[in-house]
Amino acid sequence: MKRLAVYCGSASPEDPRYVQLAYDVGAELAARGIGLVYGGGKLGLMGAVARGAKEGGGEVIGIIPEALVKAEVANHDCDELVTVSGMHERKQRFTDLSDGFVTIPGGVGTMDELWEAISWSQLGYHTKPVGLLNAFGFYDHLLAFNAKMAEVGFVRPAHQNILIAATSIHELLAKMEAYQPHTPIFRMKAEEL
């Protein structure tokens, strides 16, 4: 993995562990020689992950929609800051520029990015690993919901391992490196659906 897209919030929660976690993720990517592709902002967890990567000597590529340049206070310290027309183009650029996806704590926009990465993998638009860093139990309920969708039958057995979860960045990156792509819907026969 040469570059990873990191999905996270632009907010700074009161609990300082979240901002520190983002910084540590960026620093770990840099230490491993993995470039960071992220949302292009300098506030909140977004800013922290970029600082961690940059201060660790890593490559930092920000992708930010025009409408959010001022609202998110664009990070002009990126090695490359790409301004795009909107959110759809932003997510496509994340996919085009990265070798996988890491989701750390965040809000609605982070969930949108995560579920789209999973959906595109399931369909066959990409074969890249989709990781979820479940630090501090933040995503316990989301993982339970994902398991419930599988239990009920809304996630096919062939696709139940698309979402790769771990509680530490070290464990998550190891699992992502070992990821074996599944059979996407685009290559399945009707009787397998």
Protein backbone atom coordinates (compact mmCIF):
# COMPACT_ATOMS: atom_id res chain seq x y z
CA MET A 1 0.00 0.00 0.00
CA LYS A 2 1.65 3.20 -1.20
CA ARG A 3 -1.20 5.56 -0.30
CA LEU A 4 -4.25 5.27 1.93
CA ALA A 5 -7.33 7.46 2.05
CA VAL A 6 -8.18 8.34 5.65
CA TYR A 7 -11.79 9.25 6.37
CA CYS A 8 -12.39 11.24 9.55
CA GLY A 9 -14.22 14.18 11.06
CA SER A 10 -13.35 17.84 10.72
CA ALA A 11 -14.59 18.44 14.28
CA SER A 12 -12.50 18.41 17.45
CA PRO A 13 -14.37 16.46 20.15
CA GLU A 14 -13.92 17.52 23.78
CA ASP A 15 -12.15 14.22 24.48
CA PRO A 16 -8.55 14.87 23.38
CA ARG A 17 -7.96 11.17 22.67
CA TYR A 18 -9.66 11.52 19.28
CA VAL A 19 -7.41 14.29 17.99
CA GLN A 20 -4.35 12.43 19.32
CA LEU A 21 -5.55 9.25 17.60
CA ALA A 22 -5.80 11.06 14.26
CA TYR A 23 -2.32 12.52 14.69
CA ASP A 24 -0.94 9.07 15.56
CA VAL A 25 -2.57 7.51 12.48
CA GLY A 26 -0.94 10.12 10.24
CA ALA A 27 2.42 9.61 11.95
CA GLU A 28 2.17 5.83 11.59
CA LEU A 29 1.42 6.08 7.89
CA ALA A 30 4.44 8.34 7.43
CA ALA A 31 6.66 5.98 9.43
CA ARG A 32 5.64 3.14 7.10
CA GLY A 33 6.20 5.23 3.96
CA ILE A 34 2.48 5.27 3.17
CA GLY A 35 1.14 8.51 1.69
CA LEU A 36 -2.00 10.11 3.11
CA VAL A 37 -4.99 11.07 0.97
CA TYR A 38 -7.60 12.90 3.05
CA GLY A 39 -10.28 15.59 3.02
CA GLY A 40 -7.97 18.60 2.75
CA GLY A 41 -9.04 20.51 5.86
CA LYS A 42 -6.80 21.76 8.66
CA LEU A 43 -9.33 21.60 11.51
CA GLY A 44 -10.32 18.75 13.79
CA LEU A 45 -9.27 15.19 13.14
CA MET A 46 -8.61 16.04 9.50
CA GLY A 47 -6.00 18.59 10.48
CA ALA A 48 -4.49 16.26 13.08
CA VAL A 49 -4.04 13.33 10.70
CA ALA A 50 -2.40 15.64 8.15
CA ARG A 51 -0.08 17.14 10.80
CA GLY A 52 0.92 13.69 11.99
CA ALA A 53 1.77 12.57 8.47
CA LYS A 54 3.53 15.81 7.52
CA GLU A 55 5.58 16.03 10.72
CA GLY A 56 6.56 12.40 10.20
CA GLY A 57 7.93 13.24 6.76
CA GLY A 58 5.05 11.63 4.87
CA GLU A 59 3.27 12.62 1.68
CA VAL A 60 -0.02 14.48 2.24
CA ILE A 61 -2.62 14.93 -0.50
CA GLY A 62 -5.79 16.85 0.37
CA ILE A 63 -8.97 16.62 -1.69
CA ILE A 64 -11.47 19.38 -0.90
CA PRO A 65 -14.63 20.59 -2.66
CA GLU A 66 -14.74 24.24 -3.72
CA ALA A 67 -17.69 24.94 -1.42
CA LEU A 68 -15.76 23.67 1.61
CA VAL A 69 -12.45 25.43 0.99
CA LYS A 70 -13.40 28.30 3.31
CA ALA A 71 -15.75 26.35 5.59
CA GLU A 72 -13.15 23.66 6.37
CA VAL A 73 -10.25 26.09 6.25
CA ALA A 74 -8.25 24.34 3.54
CA ASN A 75 -4.85 23.02 4.54
CA HIS A 76 -2.34 24.71 2.27
CA ASP A 77 0.51 22.80 3.94
CA CYS A 78 -0.38 19.69 1.92
CA ASP A 79 2.12 18.44 -0.64
CA GLU A 80 -0.80 18.65 -3.03
CA LEU A 81 -4.19 20.27 -2.38
CA VAL A 82 -6.74 19.35 -5.01
CA THR A 83 -9.92 21.43 -5.25
CA VAL A 84 -12.83 19.54 -6.80
CA SER A 85 -16.35 20.52 -7.82
CA GLY A 86 -18.24 18.48 -5.23
CA MET A 87 -18.47 15.50 -2.91
CA HIS A 88 -18.91 12.88 -5.65
CA GLU A 89 -15.71 13.97 -7.36
CA ARG A 90 -13.96 14.10 -3.98
CA LYS A 91 -14.81 10.47 -3.22
CA GLN A 92 -13.83 9.37 -6.72
CA ARG A 93 -10.43 11.05 -6.27
CA PHE A 94 -9.99 9.28 -2.93
CA THR A 95 -10.58 5.98 -4.73
CA ASP A 96 -8.37 6.83 -7.70
CA LEU A 97 -5.40 8.03 -5.62
CA SER A 98 -5.36 5.45 -2.84
CA ASP A 99 -4.63 1.75 -2.40
CA GLY A 100 -7.14 1.37 0.42
CA PHE A 101 -9.32 3.22 2.91
CA VAL A 102 -9.01 3.75 6.67
CA THR A 103 -11.94 5.19 8.60
CA ILE A 104 -11.25 6.67 12.00
CA PRO A 105 -13.87 8.39 14.20
CA GLY A 106 -16.02 10.97 12.50
CA GLY A 107 -19.57 12.00 11.78
CA VAL A 108 -22.09 11.87 8.93
CA GLY A 109 -19.61 12.72 6.14
CA THR A 110 -17.22 10.06 7.42
CA MET A 111 -20.04 7.48 7.39
CA ASP A 112 -20.96 8.48 3.83
CA GLU A 113 -17.38 7.88 2.72
CA LEU A 114 -17.08 4.57 4.56
CA TRP A 115 -20.33 3.08 3.26
CA GLU A 116 -19.60 4.18 -0.29
CA ALA A 117 -16.17 2.50 -0.16
CA ILE A 118 -17.85 -0.70 1.08
CA SER A 119 -20.63 -0.50 -1.50
CA TRP A 120 -18.22 0.13 -4.38
CA SER A 121 -16.12 -2.83 -3.22
CA GLN A 122 -19.17 -5.09 -2.99
CA LEU A 123 -20.21 -4.13 -6.51
CA GLY A 124 -16.73 -4.36 -7.99
CA TYR A 125 -15.79 -0.73 -8.68
CA HIS A 126 -12.59 -1.36 -6.69
CA THR A 127 -10.81 -4.27 -4.97
CA LYS A 128 -9.05 -2.26 -2.26
CA PRO A 129 -9.17 -2.99 1.48
CA VAL A 130 -11.66 -0.99 3.55
CA GLY A 131 -10.50 -0.57 7.15
CA LEU A 132 -12.31 0.69 10.23
CA LEU A 133 -10.30 1.79 13.25
CA ASN A 134 -12.59 1.06 16.19
CA ALA A 135 -10.61 3.03 18.78
CA PHE A 136 -12.18 3.53 22.22
CA GLY A 137 -15.15 1.37 21.13
CA PHE A 138 -16.38 4.26 18.97
CA TYR A 139 -17.70 1.94 16.25
CA ASP A 140 -18.99 -0.93 18.42
CA HIS A 141 -22.61 -0.24 17.47
CA LEU A 142 -21.79 0.21 13.78
CA LEU A 143 -20.02 -3.17 13.76
CA ALA A 144 -23.04 -4.73 15.49
CA PHE A 145 -25.32 -3.17 12.86
CA ASN A 146 -23.10 -4.49 10.06
CA ALA A 147 -23.28 -7.98 11.63
CA LYS A 148 -27.08 -7.64 11.87
CA MET A 149 -27.33 -6.80 8.15
CA ALA A 150 -25.34 -9.95 7.40
CA GLU A 151 -27.39 -12.07 9.82
CA VAL A 152 -30.67 -10.96 8.23
CA GLY A 153 -29.30 -11.56 4.73
CA PHE A 154 -28.73 -8.05 3.39
CA VAL A 155 -24.99 -8.64 3.14
CA ARG A 156 -24.12 -11.74 1.13
CA PRO A 157 -21.68 -14.25 2.66
CA ALA A 158 -19.13 -13.43 -0.07
CA HIS A 159 -19.14 -9.79 1.07
CA GLN A 160 -19.18 -10.12 4.84
CA ASN A 161 -15.43 -9.60 5.16
CA ILE A 162 -15.18 -6.41 3.11
CA LEU A 163 -15.17 -4.28 6.25
CA ILE A 164 -11.92 -4.90 8.11
CA ALA A 165 -12.00 -3.74 11.73
CA ALA A 166 -9.37 -3.47 14.44
CA THR A 167 -8.80 -1.47 17.62
CA SER A 168 -5.24 -0.33 16.81
CA ILE A 169 -3.73 1.15 13.66
CA HIS A 170 -0.95 -1.47 13.72
CA GLU A 171 -3.41 -4.36 13.73
CA LEU A 172 -5.65 -2.68 11.16
CA LEU A 173 -2.82 -2.07 8.68
CA ALA A 174 -1.63 -5.69 9.06
CA LYS A 175 -5.15 -6.96 8.31
CA MET A 176 -5.48 -4.61 5.35
CA GLU A 177 -2.16 -5.77 3.89
CA ALA A 178 -3.40 -9.38 4.11
CA TYR A 179 -6.77 -8.60 2.50
CA GLN A 180 -7.84 -10.92 -0.30
CA PRO A 181 -10.47 -9.40 -2.63
CA HIS A 182 -13.84 -11.13 -2.73
CA THR A 183 -16.01 -11.91 -5.75
CA PRO A 184 -17.89 -8.69 -6.60
CA ILE A 185 -21.54 -8.61 -7.59
CA PHE A 186 -20.56 -7.64 -11.14
CA ARG A 187 -18.89 -11.06 -11.52
CA MET A 188 -21.54 -13.16 -9.76
CA LYS A 189 -24.13 -15.32 -11.46
CA ALA A 190 -27.84 -14.83 -10.81
CA GLU A 191 -28.03 -17.93 -8.60
CA GLU A 192 -25.28 -16.53 -6.38
CA LEU A 193 -27.23 -13.33 -5.78
